[in-house]
Amino acid sequence: MKLPYVIVIYLLFTLAIAAPPALLQYTGNTAFLDHGFWTIFFFMTGLTFLVLVMMLVVYQKKEEYFAQAFMAGTTVKILACFIFMFIFISNNTVNKLVFMGDFFYIYLLNTVFEIYVLLRKLRHKNSR
């Protein structure tokens, strides 16, 4: 998978996971959305994008370090998300259940996409 292809697929994926919350907000059903949902969404989406680009650049330069780059990127991402979550909760009053639901909705779906890219790369590598 080439970098431009992954970027286009990731943008489509981002639009797909942004659609349900946008629809909820548009219809006025904001009980399931934290007031800072879009801040959380853009932070994690941007962070995931940076991790994906970093992984693919490492793959292009030194293919044998791809798995290590994936693990390092995922570790940095989870630590950055926990720090962000701590700062966000300490600076804002939030409904904790709604916040956790929103957080895990975004985090887990972005992580699933990262794993999808990893599996596509590994499958491509093994099929040669």
C-alpha atoms as a PDB file:
ATOM      1  CA  MET A   1       0.000   0.000   0.000  1.00  0.00           C
ATOM      2  CA  LYS A   2       1.387   3.327  -1.041  1.00  0.00           C
ATOM      3  CA  LEU A   3       1.228   6.391   1.171  1.00  0.00           C
ATOM      4  CA  PRO A   4      -1.245   8.385  -1.000  1.00  0.00           C
ATOM      5  CA  TYR A   5      -3.579   5.382  -1.121  1.00  0.00           C
ATOM      6  CA  VAL A   6      -3.529   5.022   2.671  1.00  0.00           C
ATOM      7  CA  ILE A   7      -4.160   8.753   3.108  1.00  0.00           C
ATOM      8  CA  VAL A   8      -7.225   8.634   0.848  1.00  0.00           C
ATOM      9  CA  ILE A   9      -8.545   5.501   2.577  1.00  0.00           C
ATOM     10  CA  TYR A  10      -7.953   7.112   5.985  1.00  0.00           C
ATOM     11  CA  LEU A  11      -9.813  10.280   4.966  1.00  0.00           C
ATOM     12  CA  LEU A  12     -12.762   8.169   3.812  1.00  0.00           C
ATOM     13  CA  PHE A  13     -12.595   6.195   7.058  1.00  0.00           C
ATOM     14  CA  THR A  14     -12.539   9.442   9.054  1.00  0.00           C
ATOM     15  CA  LEU A  15     -15.616  10.683   7.240  1.00  0.00           C
ATOM     16  CA  ALA A  16     -17.342   7.357   7.931  1.00  0.00           C
ATOM     17  CA  ILE A  17     -16.699   7.498  11.681  1.00  0.00           C
ATOM     18  CA  ALA A  18     -17.577  11.207  11.828  1.00  0.00           C
ATOM     19  CA  ALA A  19     -20.946  10.670  10.145  1.00  0.00           C
ATOM     20  CA  PRO A  20     -22.875   9.112  13.089  1.00  0.00           C
ATOM     21  CA  PRO A  21     -21.862  11.817  15.624  1.00  0.00           C
ATOM     22  CA  ALA A  22     -22.515  14.549  13.048  1.00  0.00           C
ATOM     23  CA  LEU A  23     -25.934  13.041  12.394  1.00  0.00           C
ATOM     24  CA  LEU A  24     -26.635  12.930  16.133  1.00  0.00           C
ATOM     25  CA  GLN A  25     -25.622  16.552  16.477  1.00  0.00           C
ATOM     26  CA  TYR A  26     -27.618  17.591  13.420  1.00  0.00           C
ATOM     27  CA  THR A  27     -30.794  15.910  14.709  1.00  0.00           C
ATOM     28  CA  GLY A  28     -30.349  17.396  18.179  1.00  0.00           C
ATOM     29  CA  ASN A  29     -29.648  14.096  19.964  1.00  0.00           C
ATOM     30  CA  THR A  30     -26.591  15.385  21.770  1.00  0.00           C
ATOM     31  CA  ALA A  31     -27.127  13.315  24.912  1.00  0.00           C
ATOM     32  CA  PHE A  32     -24.614  10.789  23.570  1.00  0.00           C
ATOM     33  CA  LEU A  33     -22.034  13.422  22.657  1.00  0.00           C
ATOM     34  CA  ASP A  34     -19.764  15.227  25.069  1.00  0.00           C
ATOM     35  CA  HIS A  35     -19.568  18.993  24.587  1.00  0.00           C
ATOM     36  CA  GLY A  36     -15.922  18.563  23.553  1.00  0.00           C
ATOM     37  CA  PHE A  37     -16.511  15.607  21.238  1.00  0.00           C
ATOM     38  CA  TRP A  38     -15.067  17.289  18.159  1.00  0.00           C
ATOM     39  CA  THR A  39     -11.962  18.360  20.066  1.00  0.00           C
ATOM     40  CA  ILE A  40     -11.398  14.754  21.098  1.00  0.00           C
ATOM     41  CA  PHE A  41     -12.210  13.547  17.584  1.00  0.00           C
ATOM     42  CA  PHE A  42      -9.768  15.866  15.824  1.00  0.00           C
ATOM     43  CA  PHE A  43      -7.003  15.228  18.362  1.00  0.00           C
ATOM     44  CA  MET A  44      -7.199  11.449  18.024  1.00  0.00           C
ATOM     45  CA  THR A  45      -7.764  11.529  14.287  1.00  0.00           C
ATOM     46  CA  GLY A  46      -4.718  13.751  13.798  1.00  0.00           C
ATOM     47  CA  LEU A  47      -2.635  11.614  16.112  1.00  0.00           C
ATOM     48  CA  THR A  48      -3.651   8.437  14.290  1.00  0.00           C
ATOM     49  CA  PHE A  49      -2.835  10.078  10.968  1.00  0.00           C
ATOM     50  CA  LEU A  50       0.652  10.981  12.201  1.00  0.00           C
ATOM     51  CA  VAL A  51       1.232   7.438  13.469  1.00  0.00           C
ATOM     52  CA  LEU A  52       0.107   5.965  10.145  1.00  0.00           C
ATOM     53  CA  VAL A  53       2.355   8.258   8.136  1.00  0.00           C
ATOM     54  CA  MET A  54       5.273   7.493  10.451  1.00  0.00           C
ATOM     55  CA  MET A  55       4.700   3.743  10.090  1.00  0.00           C
ATOM     56  CA  LEU A  56       4.539   3.928   6.311  1.00  0.00           C
ATOM     57  CA  VAL A  57       7.617   6.127   6.039  1.00  0.00           C
ATOM     58  CA  VAL A  58       9.539   3.632   8.180  1.00  0.00           C
ATOM     59  CA  TYR A  59       8.238   0.834   5.941  1.00  0.00           C
ATOM     60  CA  GLN A  60       9.522   2.618   2.844  1.00  0.00           C
ATOM     61  CA  LYS A  61      12.942   3.328   4.361  1.00  0.00           C
ATOM     62  CA  LYS A  62      13.622   0.150   6.384  1.00  0.00           C
ATOM     63  CA  GLU A  63      11.017  -2.514   5.864  1.00  0.00           C
ATOM     64  CA  GLU A  64      12.300  -4.749   8.671  1.00  0.00           C
ATOM     65  CA  TYR A  65      11.466  -2.083  11.296  1.00  0.00           C
ATOM     66  CA  PHE A  66       7.797  -1.778  10.303  1.00  0.00           C
ATOM     67  CA  ALA A  67       6.446  -3.916  13.170  1.00  0.00           C
ATOM     68  CA  GLN A  68       8.576  -2.032  15.712  1.00  0.00           C
ATOM     69  CA  ALA A  69       7.367   1.291  14.270  1.00  0.00           C
ATOM     70  CA  PHE A  70       3.796   0.075  14.605  1.00  0.00           C
ATOM     71  CA  MET A  71       4.302  -0.893  18.243  1.00  0.00           C
ATOM     72  CA  ALA A  72       6.119   2.358  19.058  1.00  0.00           C
ATOM     73  CA  GLY A  73       3.458   4.436  17.322  1.00  0.00           C
ATOM     74  CA  THR A  74       0.631   2.629  19.086  1.00  0.00           C
ATOM     75  CA  THR A  75       2.351   3.049  22.454  1.00  0.00           C
ATOM     76  CA  VAL A  76       2.945   6.759  21.898  1.00  0.00           C
ATOM     77  CA  LYS A  77      -0.649   7.136  20.724  1.00  0.00           C
ATOM     78  CA  ILE A  78      -2.174   5.495  23.791  1.00  0.00           C
ATOM     79  CA  LEU A  79       0.059   7.500  26.152  1.00  0.00           C
ATOM     80  CA  ALA A  80      -0.776  10.758  24.354  1.00  0.00           C
ATOM     81  CA  CYS A  81      -4.487   9.902  24.474  1.00  0.00           C
ATOM     82  CA  PHE A  82      -4.340   9.162  28.202  1.00  0.00           C
ATOM     83  CA  ILE A  83      -2.527  12.437  28.871  1.00  0.00           C
ATOM     84  CA  PHE A  84      -5.048  14.285  26.704  1.00  0.00           C
ATOM     85  CA  MET A  85      -7.925  12.547  28.489  1.00  0.00           C
ATOM     86  CA  PHE A  86      -6.528  13.476  31.904  1.00  0.00           C
ATOM     87  CA  ILE A  87      -6.048  17.142  30.942  1.00  0.00           C
ATOM     88  CA  PHE A  88      -9.444  17.336  29.242  1.00  0.00           C
ATOM     89  CA  ILE A  89     -11.297  15.852  32.217  1.00  0.00           C
ATOM     90  CA  SER A  90      -9.450  18.017  34.734  1.00  0.00           C
ATOM     91  CA  ASN A  91     -10.188  21.239  32.797  1.00  0.00           C
ATOM     92  CA  ASN A  92     -13.821  20.514  31.861  1.00  0.00           C
ATOM     93  CA  THR A  93     -16.882  19.228  33.603  1.00  0.00           C
ATOM     94  CA  VAL A  94     -17.957  16.128  31.733  1.00  0.00           C
ATOM     95  CA  ASN A  95     -20.472  13.356  32.042  1.00  0.00           C
ATOM     96  CA  LYS A  96     -17.943  10.589  32.581  1.00  0.00           C
ATOM     97  CA  LEU A  97     -19.972   7.801  30.953  1.00  0.00           C
ATOM     98  CA  VAL A  98     -20.656   9.861  27.836  1.00  0.00           C
ATOM     99  CA  PHE A  99     -17.034  10.995  27.695  1.00  0.00           C
ATOM    100  CA  MET A 100     -15.719   7.442  28.011  1.00  0.00           C
ATOM    101  CA  GLY A 101     -18.154   6.229  25.351  1.00  0.00           C
ATOM    102  CA  ASP A 102     -17.053   8.976  22.963  1.00  0.00           C
ATOM    103  CA  PHE A 103     -13.386   8.400  23.756  1.00  0.00           C
ATOM    104  CA  PHE A 104     -13.515   4.662  23.152  1.00  0.00           C
ATOM    105  CA  TYR A 105     -15.666   5.071  20.033  1.00  0.00           C
ATOM    106  CA  ILE A 106     -12.975   7.224  18.458  1.00  0.00           C
ATOM    107  CA  TYR A 107      -9.927   5.466  19.914  1.00  0.00           C
ATOM    108  CA  LEU A 108     -10.961   1.903  19.169  1.00  0.00           C
ATOM    109  CA  LEU A 109     -12.092   2.617  15.617  1.00  0.00           C
ATOM    110  CA  ASN A 110      -8.845   4.453  14.851  1.00  0.00           C
ATOM    111  CA  THR A 111      -6.862   1.578  16.332  1.00  0.00           C
ATOM    112  CA  VAL A 112      -8.831  -0.881  14.200  1.00  0.00           C
ATOM    113  CA  PHE A 113      -7.787   1.115  11.135  1.00  0.00           C
ATOM    114  CA  GLU A 114      -4.138   1.020  12.223  1.00  0.00           C
ATOM    115  CA  ILE A 115      -4.342  -2.747  12.627  1.00  0.00           C
ATOM    116  CA  TYR A 116      -5.990  -3.006   9.206  1.00  0.00           C
ATOM    117  CA  VAL A 117      -3.019  -1.185   7.656  1.00  0.00           C
ATOM    118  CA  LEU A 118      -0.602  -3.417   9.583  1.00  0.00           C
ATOM    119  CA  LEU A 119      -2.319  -6.575   8.406  1.00  0.00           C
ATOM    120  CA  ARG A 120      -2.448  -5.365   4.812  1.00  0.00           C
ATOM    121  CA  LYS A 121       1.284  -4.633   4.916  1.00  0.00           C
ATOM    122  CA  LEU A 122       2.134  -7.975   6.488  1.00  0.00           C
ATOM    123  CA  ARG A 123      -0.107  -9.900   4.114  1.00  0.00           C
ATOM    124  CA  HIS A 124       1.476  -8.111   1.159  1.00  0.00           C
ATOM    125  CA  LYS A 125       4.932  -8.887   2.497  1.00  0.00           C
ATOM    126  CA  ASN A 126       4.148 -12.595   2.956  1.00  0.00           C
ATOM    127  CA  SER A 127       2.556 -12.970  -0.472  1.00  0.00           C
ATOM    128  CA  ARG A 128       5.773 -12.176  -2.347  1.00  0.00           C
END
